[in-house]
Amino acid sequence: MLRLEHIQKIYPTGEVLKDVNWEVRTGDRIGLVGVNGAGKSTQLKIIAGEVEPTSGQIVRPSSLKIAYLTQEFEVDPTRTVKSEFWQVFNEVNEIQAELAKVHKQMEALTENDDFEQLLKQMDRLQRRFEALNGYELESSIDKIMPELGFVQEDSDRTVDQFSGGWQMRMSLGKILLQTPDVLLLDEPTNHLDLETIEWLEKYLRSLKTPMVIVSHDREFLDRLCTTIVETERGVSQTYLGNYSSYLAQKAEAQEAQMNAFERQQKYLDKQQTFVDRFRASATRSTQAKSREKQLDKIERIEAPDSEMRALRFRFPPVARTGRVTAEIRDLTHAYGDKILFIGSNLEIERGDRIAFVGPNGAGKSTLLKMIMGLEAYNEGIIELGHNVLPGYFEQNQAEALDLHKTVISTIHDDFPKMTTEEVRGLLGRFLFSGDTVFKKVRDISGGEKARLALAKMLMQPVNFLILDEPTNHLDIPAKEMLEDALKEYEGSVVIVSHDRYFISQVATKIVEVRDCELRIYAGNYDYYLSKIDEEQREAQHAAEMKVKVERDAVKKEKQKAKAKK
């Protein structure tokens, strides 16, 4: 269906892709993975025809239709939902506009107007409209809207009345209406709440369209993908299976490569020792020279790349708090008519790692700001415990960096007691090496800014971490580093995150913000999911029993009425 052959891409700043080879076949759901800057989005743009490769080629049928969902959803907030869906049919829209003009001209017809000419023009436009299946397009939109979760009443609502998650659904629907042969998705889960991400997973799994997905959401890749393509140092490697399967295969391959490397090194050392010992020997010099020639011909096995596993960090030691880190009692808060919390209670204990979950707009980020004292609340009490030193990482922390500073001065200015070597050592653990540390912040990538902001925050000697979407813009190795560091952290942590894999690795307790309450689940993310499933089954059973009771009551009333007759 589509194949990338020896794709290379060189920008003025350097080579991004060196030798990329992989293919999309019928039924494939391919996940592209790699660190930030590895060229994942570049590959999507090359496939979509937006970027030309420096060398190599894309092999594909000329009739292949490719649809590309970018990170920025292309919707007009002033349009109605239905008219937004109509925007994908450019030629049909133009014909409809022309037909509307002709109709107006015919309504305002005078004796001087050429009625026959207008009639012919209308007939020509009508025929073209029918040839483009114009009447069927209306039913296509009506069919896809409920599939995406929209109801009939949404048709006339404007786009700006919907959240980012619903606008993503509109963008996805618009490209699916084009009936593509291949679907390209660039970070489709960004800024979506958990409910919408889970909906998106199920919806994409229901499609037969082959797709290529760039995402740092490991749970999303795990549940959806049939193949993983990793790009490392410009070279691609294909792994069959989902993300977990890819990790297992890669670990096995690295272990096998390391074993082969070590065996070869032992053999080479042994042979080199023989050559060095007998090179000048009168009786064995010929044999030594022969072995030396053989050594030169042996293709060397490289040690596995360990750079991706070098991202390690430990929090600085901090003072111990009392048993209770923070306490929320009878919290009530509203914005105008929108009520977020009514009489909510929560106790955060020393060592807790709590993840707040719930739909966008439920008040999760607001709650973090209240705990930090950055936002007032209507009623109730929020108190920090004895000896608590909080540290706050907000969603757009990277945007608060001074763009005119260098990477190294960003850290050094905040921690002047650290030596230059210590600062460079810290930055090295966040993959800032060589001359990169002397770059201006404005010149580094979004992912690098996120890593730098994280390094700056994590160096603060705090014993209560308050993290709002800390994994935004982080690549997978950086997420794994943060996960490992948080597991070893001795203080308390509260997190808002839509990254289910991150939550499952870190959280020891889940608090769901739902219906103006804080619902506490004293277990990890798997425990929370099992309890939610149990609650849903119980609710369904209760609903079924209610219907049965009502049905039985009606049946009895009918029987009584019949008996009286």
Protein backbone atom coordinates (compact mmCIF):
# COMPACT_ATOMS: atom_id res chain seq x y z
CA MET A 1 0.00 0.00 0.00
CA LEU A 2 2.72 2.48 0.99
CA ARG A 3 6.45 2.02 1.55
CA LEU A 4 9.30 4.28 2.72
CA GLU A 5 12.59 3.31 1.09
CA HIS A 6 15.94 4.65 2.34
CA ILE A 7 14.47 8.01 3.39
CA GLN A 8 17.02 10.61 4.38
CA LYS A 9 16.23 14.16 5.49
CA ILE A 10 18.85 16.81 6.11
CA TYR A 11 17.93 20.27 7.40
CA PRO A 12 20.36 23.21 7.65
CA THR A 13 20.63 22.38 11.37
CA GLY A 14 21.67 18.77 10.68
CA GLU A 15 20.60 15.31 9.57
CA VAL A 16 17.31 14.17 11.11
CA LEU A 17 16.67 10.98 9.12
CA LYS A 18 19.51 8.82 7.85
CA ASP A 19 18.02 5.56 6.56
CA VAL A 20 14.30 5.02 7.19
CA ASN A 21 12.62 1.91 5.78
CA TRP A 22 9.14 0.67 6.72
CA GLU A 23 5.77 0.04 5.13
CA VAL A 24 2.03 0.42 5.71
CA ARG A 25 -0.13 -2.57 4.78
CA THR A 26 -3.86 -3.21 4.89
CA GLY A 27 -5.10 -3.34 8.48
CA ASP A 28 -1.91 -1.87 10.01
CA ARG A 29 -2.04 0.51 12.96
CA ILE A 30 1.57 1.67 13.19
CA GLY A 31 3.00 3.60 16.14
CA LEU A 32 6.04 5.80 15.44
CA VAL A 33 8.22 6.15 18.54
CA GLY A 34 11.52 7.82 19.37
CA VAL A 35 12.89 10.70 21.42
CA ASN A 36 11.87 14.30 20.66
CA GLY A 37 13.72 15.42 17.55
CA ALA A 38 14.05 11.87 16.18
CA GLY A 39 12.04 12.84 13.09
CA LYS A 40 8.66 11.23 13.78
CA SER A 41 6.54 14.19 12.64
CA THR A 42 8.95 14.73 9.75
CA GLN A 43 8.15 11.22 8.52
CA LEU A 44 4.41 11.98 8.63
CA LYS A 45 4.96 15.20 6.66
CA ILE A 46 7.04 13.35 4.06
CA ILE A 47 4.28 10.73 3.65
CA ALA A 48 1.66 13.51 3.39
CA GLY A 49 3.74 15.27 0.73
CA GLU A 50 4.28 18.40 2.83
CA VAL A 51 8.07 17.85 3.06
CA GLU A 52 10.43 16.51 0.41
CA PRO A 53 13.03 13.93 1.52
CA THR A 54 16.67 14.72 0.80
CA SER A 55 17.01 11.25 -0.70
CA GLY A 56 15.01 8.03 -0.86
CA GLN A 57 11.44 7.62 -2.03
CA ILE A 58 7.85 6.94 -0.99
CA VAL A 59 6.44 4.05 -3.03
CA ARG A 60 2.65 4.33 -3.30
CA PRO A 61 -0.16 4.09 -5.85
CA SER A 62 -0.97 7.47 -7.44
CA SER A 63 -4.64 7.05 -6.44
CA LEU A 64 -3.84 6.57 -2.72
CA LYS A 65 -5.71 9.12 -0.57
CA ILE A 66 -3.85 10.19 2.58
CA ALA A 67 -5.48 12.19 5.39
CA TYR A 68 -3.37 13.97 8.01
CA LEU A 69 -4.64 14.98 11.48
CA THR A 70 -2.07 17.49 12.76
CA GLN A 71 -1.41 18.48 16.37
CA GLU A 72 -3.41 21.68 15.82
CA PHE A 73 -7.08 20.96 15.11
CA GLU A 74 -8.17 22.97 12.06
CA VAL A 75 -11.65 24.25 12.93
CA ASP A 76 -13.34 27.65 12.67
CA PRO A 77 -14.89 28.59 16.06
CA THR A 78 -17.53 30.80 14.39
CA ARG A 79 -19.08 28.07 12.21
CA THR A 80 -21.82 25.69 13.24
CA VAL A 81 -20.82 22.06 13.77
CA LYS A 82 -22.59 20.87 10.64
CA SER A 83 -21.15 23.62 8.44
CA GLU A 84 -17.71 22.77 9.84
CA PHE A 85 -18.11 19.20 8.60
CA TRP A 86 -19.23 20.54 5.22
CA GLN A 87 -15.91 22.42 4.80
CA VAL A 88 -14.13 19.26 3.62
CA PHE A 89 -16.18 19.23 0.42
CA ASN A 90 -14.65 22.30 -1.24
CA GLU A 91 -15.97 21.84 -4.77
CA VAL A 92 -19.47 20.92 -3.58
CA ASN A 93 -19.48 24.03 -1.36
CA GLU A 94 -18.50 26.20 -4.33
CA ILE A 95 -21.28 24.69 -6.46
CA GLN A 96 -23.82 25.26 -3.67
CA ALA A 97 -22.71 28.89 -3.44
CA GLU A 98 -23.11 29.29 -7.23
CA LEU A 99 -26.54 27.66 -7.12
CA ALA A 100 -27.60 30.04 -4.36
CA LYS A 101 -26.56 33.01 -6.55
CA VAL A 102 -28.54 31.64 -9.51
CA HIS A 103 -31.62 31.11 -7.31
CA LYS A 104 -31.41 34.71 -6.08
CA GLN A 105 -31.07 35.97 -9.66
CA MET A 106 -34.11 33.94 -10.71
CA GLU A 107 -36.15 35.28 -7.78
CA ALA A 108 -35.28 38.84 -8.79
CA LEU A 109 -35.77 38.17 -12.52
CA THR A 110 -36.62 41.14 -14.79
CA GLU A 111 -37.65 41.29 -18.44
CA ASN A 112 -34.05 42.15 -19.42
CA ASP A 113 -32.58 38.98 -17.81
CA ASP A 114 -31.91 35.88 -19.89
CA PHE A 115 -34.10 33.27 -18.19
CA GLU A 116 -32.95 30.46 -20.52
CA GLN A 117 -29.30 31.19 -19.77
CA LEU A 118 -29.92 31.09 -16.00
CA LEU A 119 -31.85 27.85 -16.40
CA LYS A 120 -28.96 26.27 -18.34
CA GLN A 121 -26.46 27.46 -15.72
CA MET A 122 -28.58 26.02 -12.91
CA ASP A 123 -28.95 22.71 -14.79
CA ARG A 124 -25.17 22.51 -15.36
CA LEU A 125 -24.42 23.20 -11.68
CA GLN A 126 -27.11 20.73 -10.55
CA ARG A 127 -25.65 17.98 -12.74
CA ARG A 128 -22.15 18.65 -11.36
CA PHE A 129 -23.53 18.61 -7.78
CA GLU A 130 -25.14 15.21 -8.43
CA ALA A 131 -21.95 13.87 -10.08
CA LEU A 132 -20.07 14.71 -6.85
CA ASN A 133 -22.69 12.82 -4.80
CA GLY A 134 -23.78 16.10 -3.23
CA TYR A 135 -27.03 14.68 -1.89
CA GLU A 136 -25.25 11.69 -0.36
CA LEU A 137 -22.73 13.93 1.42
CA GLU A 138 -25.47 15.32 3.64
CA SER A 139 -26.37 11.79 4.76
CA SER A 140 -22.64 10.99 5.24
CA ILE A 141 -22.38 13.88 7.69
CA ASP A 142 -25.60 12.85 9.42
CA LYS A 143 -24.20 9.32 9.74
CA ILE A 144 -20.75 10.22 11.11
CA MET A 145 -21.92 12.80 13.67
CA PRO A 146 -23.53 10.28 16.07
CA GLU A 147 -20.54 7.94 15.55
CA LEU A 148 -18.37 10.77 16.91
CA GLY A 149 -20.74 11.33 19.83
CA PHE A 150 -22.67 14.36 18.53
CA VAL A 151 -26.47 14.55 18.84
CA GLN A 152 -28.88 16.16 16.37
CA GLU A 153 -29.18 19.31 18.50
CA ASP A 154 -25.40 19.92 18.14
CA SER A 155 -25.70 20.59 14.38
CA ASP A 156 -26.59 24.27 14.80
CA ARG A 157 -24.34 24.99 17.78
CA THR A 158 -21.14 26.91 17.03
CA VAL A 159 -17.74 25.22 17.28
CA ASP A 160 -16.55 27.55 20.06
CA GLN A 161 -19.19 26.06 22.39
CA PHE A 162 -17.27 22.76 22.43
CA SER A 163 -14.12 21.75 24.34
CA GLY A 164 -10.80 20.87 22.71
CA GLY A 165 -11.68 17.18 22.90
CA TRP A 166 -14.90 17.71 20.94
CA GLN A 167 -13.07 19.91 18.44
CA MET A 168 -10.62 17.03 17.94
CA ARG A 169 -13.62 14.82 17.11
CA MET A 170 -14.73 17.38 14.51
CA SER A 171 -11.25 17.43 12.93
CA LEU A 172 -11.14 13.64 12.89
CA GLY A 173 -14.62 13.46 11.38
CA LYS A 174 -13.67 15.94 8.66
CA ILE A 175 -10.75 13.86 7.47
CA LEU A 176 -12.72 10.59 7.70
CA LEU A 177 -15.43 12.11 5.48
CA GLN A 178 -12.76 12.25 2.76
CA THR A 179 -12.66 8.39 2.89
CA PRO A 180 -8.85 8.20 3.10
CA ASP A 181 -6.87 5.04 2.31
CA VAL A 182 -4.28 5.90 5.00
CA LEU A 183 -4.76 8.00 8.15
CA LEU A 184 -1.87 9.95 9.71
CA LEU A 185 -2.31 11.06 13.34
CA ASP A 186 0.20 13.39 15.03
CA GLU A 187 -0.18 13.39 18.84
CA PRO A 188 -3.99 12.92 18.71
CA THR A 189 -4.32 12.54 22.51
CA ASN A 190 -2.68 15.86 23.41
CA HIS A 191 -4.83 17.87 25.86
CA LEU A 192 -7.66 15.30 25.86
CA ASP A 193 -9.19 14.06 29.09
CA LEU A 194 -9.13 10.35 29.93
CA GLU A 195 -12.72 9.79 28.88
CA THR A 196 -12.09 11.26 25.42
CA ILE A 197 -8.83 9.33 25.00
CA GLU A 198 -10.62 6.08 25.78
CA TRP A 199 -13.38 6.99 23.33
CA LEU A 200 -10.75 7.76 20.65
CA GLU A 201 -9.06 4.39 21.20
CA LYS A 202 -12.29 2.48 20.74
CA TYR A 203 -13.29 4.54 17.72
CA LEU A 204 -9.95 4.13 15.94
CA ARG A 205 -9.99 0.38 16.65
CA SER A 206 -13.39 0.19 14.95
CA LEU A 207 -12.00 1.69 11.72
CA LYS A 208 -10.63 -0.49 8.95
CA THR A 209 -8.47 2.35 7.61
CA PRO A 210 -4.70 1.72 8.03
CA MET A 211 -3.15 4.40 10.21
CA VAL A 212 0.22 5.76 11.34
CA ILE A 213 0.30 7.33 14.81
CA VAL A 214 2.86 9.55 16.49
CA SER A 215 2.21 9.59 20.23
CA HIS A 216 4.04 9.71 23.56
CA ASP A 217 0.99 8.10 25.20
CA ARG A 218 2.30 4.59 25.85
CA GLU A 219 -1.05 3.21 27.01
CA PHE A 220 -2.67 4.53 23.81
CA LEU A 221 0.03 2.84 21.70
CA ASP A 222 -0.32 -0.34 23.74
CA ARG A 223 -4.06 -0.65 23.24
CA LEU A 224 -4.18 0.42 19.60
CA CYS A 225 -1.05 -0.44 17.62
CA THR A 226 -0.28 -3.63 15.72
CA THR A 227 3.26 -2.53 14.77
CA ILE A 228 5.83 -0.18 16.31
CA VAL A 229 8.45 1.64 14.21
CA GLU A 230 11.26 3.13 16.28
CA THR A 231 13.53 5.83 14.89
CA GLU A 232 16.85 6.09 16.69
CA ARG A 233 19.73 8.23 15.44
CA GLY A 234 18.02 8.57 12.07
CA VAL A 235 17.58 4.84 11.44
CA SER A 236 14.27 2.97 11.67
CA GLN A 237 13.59 -0.46 13.16
CA THR A 238 10.24 -2.28 12.88
CA TYR A 239 8.75 -4.39 15.69
CA LEU A 240 5.57 -6.44 15.26
CA GLY A 241 3.02 -6.10 18.07
CA ASN A 242 1.97 -3.34 20.46
CA TYR A 243 4.12 -1.08 22.62
CA SER A 244 4.68 -3.63 25.41
CA SER A 245 5.70 -6.22 22.83
CA TYR A 246 8.13 -3.71 21.30
CA LEU A 247 9.74 -3.05 24.70
CA ALA A 248 10.18 -6.79 25.32
CA GLN A 249 11.61 -7.40 21.84
CA LYS A 250 13.98 -4.44 22.10
CA ALA A 251 15.24 -5.51 25.53
CA GLU A 252 15.78 -9.04 24.22
CA ALA A 253 17.59 -7.73 21.12
CA GLN A 254 19.79 -5.43 23.22
CA GLU A 255 20.67 -8.30 25.55
CA ALA A 256 21.51 -10.54 22.60
CA GLN A 257 23.58 -7.76 21.03
CA MET A 258 25.42 -7.15 24.31
CA ASN A 259 26.15 -10.87 24.70
CA ALA A 260 27.40 -11.06 21.10
CA PHE A 261 29.46 -7.90 21.62
CA GLU A 262 31.06 -9.26 24.82
CA ARG A 263 31.80 -12.64 23.21
CA GLN A 264 33.42 -10.93 20.24
CA GLN A 265 35.42 -8.62 22.48
CA LYS A 266 36.78 -11.64 24.41
CA TYR A 267 37.69 -13.35 21.14
CA LEU A 268 39.32 -10.20 19.73
CA ASP A 269 41.27 -9.61 22.95
CA LYS A 270 42.49 -13.20 22.94
CA GLN A 271 43.58 -13.04 19.30
CA GLN A 272 45.19 -9.61 19.76
CA THR A 273 47.13 -10.93 22.76
CA PHE A 274 48.43 -13.77 20.57
CA VAL A 275 49.40 -11.33 17.79
CA ASP A 276 51.18 -8.94 20.19
CA ARG A 277 53.02 -11.84 21.86
CA PHE A 278 54.26 -13.61 18.75
CA ARG A 279 54.57 -10.80 16.18
CA ALA A 280 58.36 -10.73 16.62
CA SER A 281 58.76 -14.47 17.20
CA ALA A 282 61.10 -16.28 14.82
CA THR A 283 58.88 -19.38 14.72
CA ARG A 284 55.38 -17.92 15.03
CA SER A 285 55.53 -14.48 13.38
CA THR A 286 53.91 -15.79 10.19
CA GLN A 287 51.03 -17.25 12.18
CA ALA A 288 50.70 -13.99 14.15
CA LYS A 289 50.58 -11.90 10.95
CA SER A 290 47.96 -14.24 9.50
CA ARG A 291 45.76 -13.83 12.57
CA GLU A 292 46.24 -10.06 12.42
CA LYS A 293 44.93 -10.02 8.86
CA GLN A 294 41.96 -12.13 9.92
CA LEU A 295 41.21 -9.68 12.74
CA ASP A 296 41.16 -6.78 10.27
CA LYS A 297 38.53 -8.58 8.18
CA ILE A 298 36.13 -9.29 11.07
CA GLU A 299 33.06 -7.05 11.07
CA ARG A 300 32.85 -5.45 14.49
CA ILE A 301 29.67 -5.82 16.57
CA GLU A 302 28.72 -2.53 18.22
CA ALA A 303 27.66 -2.32 21.84
CA PRO A 304 23.93 -1.49 22.24
CA ASP A 305 23.16 2.19 22.40
CA SER A 306 22.91 3.06 26.09
CA GLU A 307 22.25 6.78 25.72
CA MET A 308 18.49 6.37 25.86
CA ARG A 309 18.83 4.62 29.22
CA ALA A 310 21.19 7.25 30.64
CA LEU A 311 18.45 9.64 31.72
CA ARG A 312 18.52 9.20 35.51
CA PHE A 313 17.64 11.54 38.35
CA ARG A 314 17.23 11.42 42.12
CA PHE A 315 15.51 14.13 44.15
CA PRO A 316 17.71 16.05 46.60
CA PRO A 317 17.23 15.02 50.26
CA VAL A 318 14.52 16.98 52.08
CA ALA A 319 13.20 17.43 55.61
CA ARG A 320 10.62 14.94 56.85
CA THR A 321 7.02 16.16 57.28
CA GLY A 322 4.42 15.14 59.84
CA ARG A 323 2.00 12.30 59.10
CA VAL A 324 -0.48 14.62 57.35
CA THR A 325 0.96 16.56 54.40
CA ALA A 326 -2.23 18.43 53.55
CA GLU A 327 -5.87 18.34 54.56
CA ILE A 328 -8.98 19.51 52.68
CA ARG A 329 -12.17 19.90 54.75
CA ASP A 330 -15.66 20.85 53.55
CA LEU A 331 -14.31 22.53 50.40
CA THR A 332 -16.96 24.35 48.37
CA HIS A 333 -16.12 26.41 45.30
CA ALA A 334 -17.89 27.71 42.20
CA TYR A 335 -17.25 29.98 39.22
CA GLY A 336 -20.52 31.83 38.78
CA ASP A 337 -23.16 29.17 38.07
CA LYS A 338 -20.56 26.42 37.58
CA ILE A 339 -20.09 24.49 40.83
CA LEU A 340 -16.77 22.60 41.11
CA PHE A 341 -16.82 21.31 44.69
CA ILE A 342 -19.48 20.91 47.40
CA GLY A 343 -18.32 19.87 50.89
CA SER A 344 -15.32 17.94 49.53
CA ASN A 345 -12.82 16.29 51.89
CA LEU A 346 -9.36 14.76 51.40
CA GLU A 347 -6.40 13.91 53.62
CA ILE A 348 -2.98 13.62 51.97
CA GLU A 349 -0.54 11.62 54.06
CA ARG A 350 3.25 11.57 54.02
CA GLY A 351 4.42 9.29 51.20
CA ASP A 352 1.12 9.39 49.29
CA ARG A 353 1.38 9.59 45.51
CA ILE A 354 -2.11 10.71 44.48
CA ALA A 355 -3.35 11.12 40.91
CA PHE A 356 -6.39 13.33 40.35
CA VAL A 357 -8.50 12.08 37.45
CA GLY A 358 -11.74 13.30 35.89
CA PRO A 359 -13.04 15.11 32.80
CA ASN A 360 -11.62 18.43 31.60
CA GLY A 361 -13.30 21.28 33.44
CA ALA A 362 -14.01 19.23 36.57
CA GLY A 363 -11.64 21.41 38.62
CA LYS A 364 -8.47 19.29 38.94
CA SER A 365 -5.98 22.04 38.06
CA THR A 366 -8.00 24.54 40.10
CA LEU A 367 -7.70 22.25 43.12
CA LEU A 368 -3.89 22.16 42.78
CA LYS A 369 -3.77 25.96 42.70
CA MET A 370 -5.95 26.12 45.82
CA ILE A 371 -3.61 23.73 47.65
CA MET A 372 -0.70 25.99 46.68
CA GLY A 373 -2.61 29.07 47.89
CA LEU A 374 -2.60 30.57 44.38
CA GLU A 375 -6.39 30.65 44.10
CA ALA A 376 -9.03 31.50 46.66
CA TYR A 377 -12.01 29.25 47.37
CA ASN A 378 -15.52 30.03 48.60
CA GLU A 379 -15.83 27.86 51.71
CA GLY A 380 -13.94 25.24 53.69
CA ILE A 381 -10.36 24.75 54.82
CA ILE A 382 -7.15 23.70 53.06
CA GLU A 383 -4.19 23.30 55.42
CA LEU A 384 -0.62 22.14 54.89
CA GLY A 385 0.86 19.93 57.61
CA HIS A 386 3.90 20.38 59.86
CA ASN A 387 7.20 21.21 58.13
CA VAL A 388 5.69 20.93 54.61
CA LEU A 389 7.61 22.64 51.79
CA PRO A 390 5.51 22.53 48.58
CA GLY A 391 6.81 22.74 45.02
CA TYR A 392 4.46 23.45 42.11
CA PHE A 393 4.90 22.46 38.48
CA GLU A 394 2.15 23.99 36.37
CA GLN A 395 0.97 22.89 32.93
CA ASN A 396 2.85 25.52 30.95
CA GLN A 397 5.95 25.69 33.14
CA ALA A 398 8.23 25.63 30.10
CA GLU A 399 6.64 28.87 28.85
CA ALA A 400 7.82 30.63 32.03
CA LEU A 401 11.51 30.06 31.18
CA ASP A 402 13.63 33.11 30.34
CA LEU A 403 14.19 32.73 26.58
CA HIS A 404 17.27 34.99 26.64
CA LYS A 405 19.20 32.85 29.12
CA THR A 406 21.35 29.90 28.13
CA VAL A 407 20.44 26.39 29.21
CA ILE A 408 23.28 26.27 31.75
CA SER A 409 22.56 29.73 33.22
CA THR A 410 18.88 28.79 33.66
CA ILE A 411 19.98 26.29 36.29
CA HIS A 412 23.11 28.08 37.58
CA ASP A 413 21.29 31.35 38.30
CA ASP A 414 18.74 29.56 40.51
CA PHE A 415 21.35 27.35 42.23
CA PRO A 416 24.51 29.51 42.46
CA LYS A 417 26.15 27.19 45.02
CA MET A 418 26.42 24.44 42.41
CA THR A 419 29.71 24.30 40.51
CA THR A 420 29.72 24.45 36.69
CA GLU A 421 30.65 20.75 36.66
CA GLU A 422 27.72 19.89 38.93
CA VAL A 423 25.28 21.86 36.76
CA ARG A 424 26.60 20.20 33.60
CA GLY A 425 26.32 16.82 35.30
CA LEU A 426 22.68 17.54 36.16
CA LEU A 427 21.90 18.75 32.64
CA GLY A 428 23.64 15.67 31.23
CA ARG A 429 21.14 13.51 33.11
CA PHE A 430 18.42 15.40 31.25
CA LEU A 431 20.20 14.78 27.91
CA PHE A 432 21.77 18.22 27.54
CA SER A 433 25.32 17.50 26.48
CA GLY A 434 28.23 19.23 24.75
CA ASP A 435 27.59 22.71 23.39
CA THR A 436 23.82 22.29 23.82
CA VAL A 437 24.15 23.70 27.36
CA PHE A 438 25.33 27.03 25.90
CA LYS A 439 22.33 27.41 23.58
CA LYS A 440 19.78 30.12 24.27
CA VAL A 441 16.52 28.75 25.64
CA ARG A 442 14.71 30.32 22.68
CA ASP A 443 16.74 28.13 20.30
CA ILE A 444 15.95 24.72 21.83
CA SER A 445 12.95 22.54 20.96
CA GLY A 446 9.66 22.38 22.87
CA GLY A 447 10.59 18.99 24.29
CA GLU A 448 13.98 20.30 25.43
CA LYS A 449 12.29 23.29 27.11
CA ALA A 450 9.99 20.87 28.96
CA ARG A 451 13.01 18.83 30.15
CA LEU A 452 14.83 21.98 31.26
CA ALA A 453 11.79 23.26 33.19
CA LEU A 454 11.46 19.86 34.83
CA ALA A 455 15.15 19.81 35.81
CA LYS A 456 14.83 23.28 37.31
CA MET A 457 11.75 22.33 39.33
CA LEU A 458 13.02 18.95 40.50
CA MET A 459 16.15 20.52 41.98
CA GLN A 460 14.05 22.51 44.47
CA PRO A 461 14.41 20.98 47.99
CA VAL A 462 10.67 20.37 48.58
CA ASN A 463 8.84 17.53 50.33
CA PHE A 464 5.41 18.03 48.72
CA LEU A 465 5.33 17.94 44.92
CA ILE A 466 2.26 19.36 43.16
CA LEU A 467 2.46 18.43 39.47
CA ASP A 468 -0.01 19.59 36.81
CA GLU A 469 0.47 17.63 33.57
CA PRO A 470 4.23 17.15 34.17
CA THR A 471 4.63 14.82 31.17
CA ASN A 472 3.32 17.29 28.56
CA HIS A 473 5.89 17.58 25.74
CA LEU A 474 8.19 15.01 27.38
CA ASP A 475 9.39 12.15 25.24
CA ILE A 476 9.22 8.58 26.51
CA PRO A 477 12.75 8.35 28.02
CA ALA A 478 12.13 11.58 29.96
CA LYS A 479 8.80 10.22 31.22
CA GLU A 480 10.50 7.02 32.36
CA MET A 481 13.14 9.07 34.21
CA LEU A 482 10.43 11.04 36.02
CA GLU A 483 8.54 7.84 36.89
CA ASP A 484 11.65 6.24 38.39
CA ALA A 485 12.51 9.38 40.36
CA LEU A 486 8.98 9.73 41.77
CA LYS A 487 8.92 6.07 42.88
CA GLU A 488 12.03 6.74 45.00
CA TYR A 489 10.84 10.15 46.25
CA GLU A 490 10.32 10.21 50.02
CA GLY A 491 7.88 13.12 50.09
CA SER A 492 4.22 13.35 49.04
CA VAL A 493 3.03 13.88 45.47
CA VAL A 494 -0.26 14.97 43.91
CA ILE A 495 -0.53 14.78 40.14
CA VAL A 496 -2.96 15.81 37.45
CA SER A 497 -2.21 13.85 34.28
CA HIS A 498 -4.00 12.39 31.26
CA ASP A 499 -1.14 9.94 30.73
CA ARG A 500 -2.63 6.65 31.96
CA TYR A 501 0.66 4.75 31.71
CA PHE A 502 2.40 7.41 33.81
CA ILE A 503 -0.40 7.28 36.40
CA SER A 504 -0.29 3.48 36.50
CA GLN A 505 3.47 3.57 37.14
CA VAL A 506 3.48 6.30 39.81
CA ALA A 507 0.17 6.65 41.69
CA THR A 508 -0.54 4.71 44.88
CA LYS A 509 -3.97 6.32 45.32
CA ILE A 510 -6.53 7.69 42.83
CA VAL A 511 -8.88 10.60 43.56
CA GLU A 512 -11.62 11.07 40.99
CA VAL A 513 -13.15 14.53 40.67
CA ARG A 514 -16.75 13.76 39.77
CA ASP A 515 -20.12 15.43 40.40
CA CYS A 516 -18.53 18.12 42.65
CA GLU A 517 -17.00 15.42 44.90
CA LEU A 518 -13.56 13.94 45.58
CA ARG A 519 -14.02 10.16 45.32
CA ILE A 520 -11.09 8.34 46.90
CA TYR A 521 -9.84 4.97 45.62
CA ALA A 522 -7.19 3.63 48.01
CA GLY A 523 -5.17 1.72 45.42
CA ASN A 524 -3.27 2.09 42.16
CA TYR A 525 -4.72 2.81 38.72
CA ASP A 526 -5.58 -0.83 37.99
CA TYR A 527 -7.48 -0.98 41.29
CA TYR A 528 -9.34 2.21 40.33
CA LEU A 529 -10.31 0.79 36.93
CA SER A 530 -11.57 -2.44 38.51
CA LYS A 531 -13.67 -0.49 41.05
CA ILE A 532 -15.12 1.77 38.33
CA ASP A 533 -16.02 -1.32 36.30
CA GLU A 534 -17.64 -2.83 39.41
CA GLU A 535 -19.61 0.39 40.07
CA GLN A 536 -20.82 0.49 36.47
CA ARG A 537 -21.97 -3.15 36.62
CA GLU A 538 -23.81 -2.47 39.89
CA ALA A 539 -25.44 0.66 38.43
CA GLN A 540 -26.51 -1.27 35.34
CA HIS A 541 -27.91 -4.08 37.51
CA ALA A 542 -29.79 -1.54 39.67
CA ALA A 543 -31.23 0.10 36.54
CA GLU A 544 -32.30 -3.27 35.15
CA MET A 545 -33.91 -4.21 38.47
CA LYS A 546 -35.75 -0.87 38.56
CA VAL A 547 -37.13 -1.48 35.07
CA LYS A 548 -38.13 -5.03 36.09
CA VAL A 549 -39.91 -3.78 39.23
CA GLU A 550 -41.75 -1.11 37.24
CA ARG A 551 -42.67 -3.65 34.55
CA ASP A 552 -43.92 -6.11 37.19
CA ALA A 553 -45.95 -3.35 38.84
CA VAL A 554 -47.60 -2.44 35.53
CA LYS A 555 -48.25 -6.13 34.86
CA LYS A 556 -49.91 -6.53 38.29
CA GLU A 557 -52.05 -3.42 37.75
CA LYS A 558 -53.22 -4.82 34.40
CA GLN A 559 -54.01 -8.17 36.04
CA LYS A 560 -56.00 -6.41 38.80
CA ALA A 561 -57.91 -4.38 36.25
CA LYS A 562 -58.62 -7.51 34.22
CA ALA A 563 -59.80 -9.39 37.37
CA LYS A 564 -62.25 -6.58 38.23
CA LYS A 565 -63.82 -6.88 34.80
